[in-house]
Amino acid sequence: MQIAEIPREEMRHTRLVQDWLAEGRQEGRQVEAASMALSLLNRRCGPLTEATTARIQALQIDKLEALADALLDFQGPADLAAWLAAHS
């Protein structure tokens, strides 16, 4: 496959393609971190509302990682609500 006479292997090493790949990896990390956090939160806090789920899915990766760490100490939904209020 060639685009504008540039072979695929050469295109893969261009700055633009490298940026797209990095962006895709970052988005994948964020989606997976949100999925894991939501799974654990559902076990710890019970079923989450759609609004809470959407708030968690919108968090950046650093906030998701902090939430994953903090949720180990949660006793229930009130702890999650307090965490989200403090970190959103």
Protein backbone atom coordinates (compact mmCIF):
# COMPACT_ATOMS: atom_id res chain seq x y z
CA MET A 1 0.00 0.00 0.00
CA GLN A 2 1.27 3.42 -0.92
CA ILE A 3 -0.11 6.87 -0.34
CA ALA A 4 1.30 9.76 -2.33
CA GLU A 5 4.09 7.50 -3.55
CA ILE A 6 5.31 6.82 0.03
CA PRO A 7 5.58 3.11 0.85
CA ARG A 8 3.67 1.92 3.89
CA GLU A 9 6.77 1.13 5.95
CA GLU A 10 8.19 4.58 5.35
CA MET A 11 4.85 6.19 6.22
CA ARG A 12 4.71 4.30 9.50
CA HIS A 13 7.85 6.11 10.63
CA THR A 14 6.63 9.62 9.84
CA ARG A 15 5.97 12.01 12.70
CA LEU A 16 2.29 12.29 11.85
CA VAL A 17 1.69 8.55 11.93
CA GLN A 18 3.74 8.20 15.13
CA ASP A 19 1.59 10.89 16.73
CA TRP A 20 -1.60 9.09 15.65
CA LEU A 21 -0.33 5.81 17.04
CA ALA A 22 0.62 7.42 20.34
CA GLU A 23 -2.79 9.08 20.56
CA GLY A 24 -4.50 5.77 19.88
CA ARG A 25 -2.46 4.03 22.56
CA GLN A 26 -3.31 6.76 25.07
CA GLU A 27 -7.02 6.52 24.26
CA GLY A 28 -6.82 2.75 24.64
CA ARG A 29 -5.16 3.08 28.06
CA GLN A 30 -7.85 5.53 29.17
CA VAL A 31 -10.70 3.28 28.01
CA GLU A 32 -9.19 0.22 29.70
CA ALA A 33 -8.48 2.11 32.94
CA ALA A 34 -12.07 3.40 33.03
CA SER A 35 -13.43 -0.07 32.35
CA MET A 36 -11.36 -1.60 35.15
CA ALA A 37 -12.26 1.16 37.61
CA LEU A 38 -15.96 0.83 36.78
CA SER A 39 -15.85 -2.92 37.23
CA LEU A 40 -14.21 -2.60 40.64
CA LEU A 41 -16.50 0.24 41.69
CA ASN A 42 -19.58 -1.77 40.81
CA ARG A 43 -18.36 -4.51 43.12
CA ARG A 44 -17.40 -2.11 45.92
CA CYS A 45 -20.26 0.41 45.68
CA GLY A 46 -23.05 -1.43 43.89
CA PRO A 47 -24.54 -0.47 40.53
CA LEU A 48 -23.55 3.02 39.45
CA THR A 49 -25.88 5.55 37.87
CA GLU A 50 -25.42 6.47 34.24
CA ALA A 51 -24.31 9.95 35.32
CA THR A 52 -21.63 8.56 37.64
CA THR A 53 -20.46 6.12 34.99
CA ALA A 54 -20.18 8.96 32.46
CA ARG A 55 -18.18 11.09 34.94
CA ILE A 56 -15.74 8.26 35.51
CA GLN A 57 -15.38 7.53 31.80
CA ALA A 58 -14.54 11.20 31.22
CA LEU A 59 -11.65 11.20 33.72
CA GLN A 60 -8.11 11.48 32.39
CA ILE A 61 -5.76 8.54 32.89
CA ASP A 62 -3.98 10.09 35.89
CA LYS A 63 -7.31 10.62 37.69
CA LEU A 64 -8.43 7.09 36.83
CA GLU A 65 -5.24 5.69 38.30
CA ALA A 66 -5.77 7.74 41.48
CA LEU A 67 -9.38 6.54 41.65
CA ALA A 68 -8.31 2.91 41.25
CA ASP A 69 -5.94 3.35 44.18
CA ALA A 70 -8.47 5.21 46.34
CA LEU A 71 -11.35 2.79 45.74
CA LEU A 72 -9.57 0.12 47.74
CA ASP A 73 -10.49 2.15 50.84
CA PHE A 74 -14.09 2.93 49.82
CA GLN A 75 -16.82 1.55 52.04
CA GLY A 76 -19.68 2.44 49.72
CA PRO A 77 -21.21 4.93 47.28
CA ALA A 78 -20.74 7.91 49.64
CA ASP A 79 -16.97 7.49 49.47
CA LEU A 80 -17.09 7.46 45.67
CA ALA A 81 -19.27 10.59 45.61
CA ALA A 82 -16.86 12.37 47.97
CA TRP A 83 -13.86 11.35 45.86
CA LEU A 84 -15.48 12.53 42.65
CA ALA A 85 -16.44 15.85 44.28
CA ALA A 86 -12.87 16.36 45.44
CA HIS A 87 -11.19 15.33 42.17
CA SER A 88 -13.45 16.53 39.36
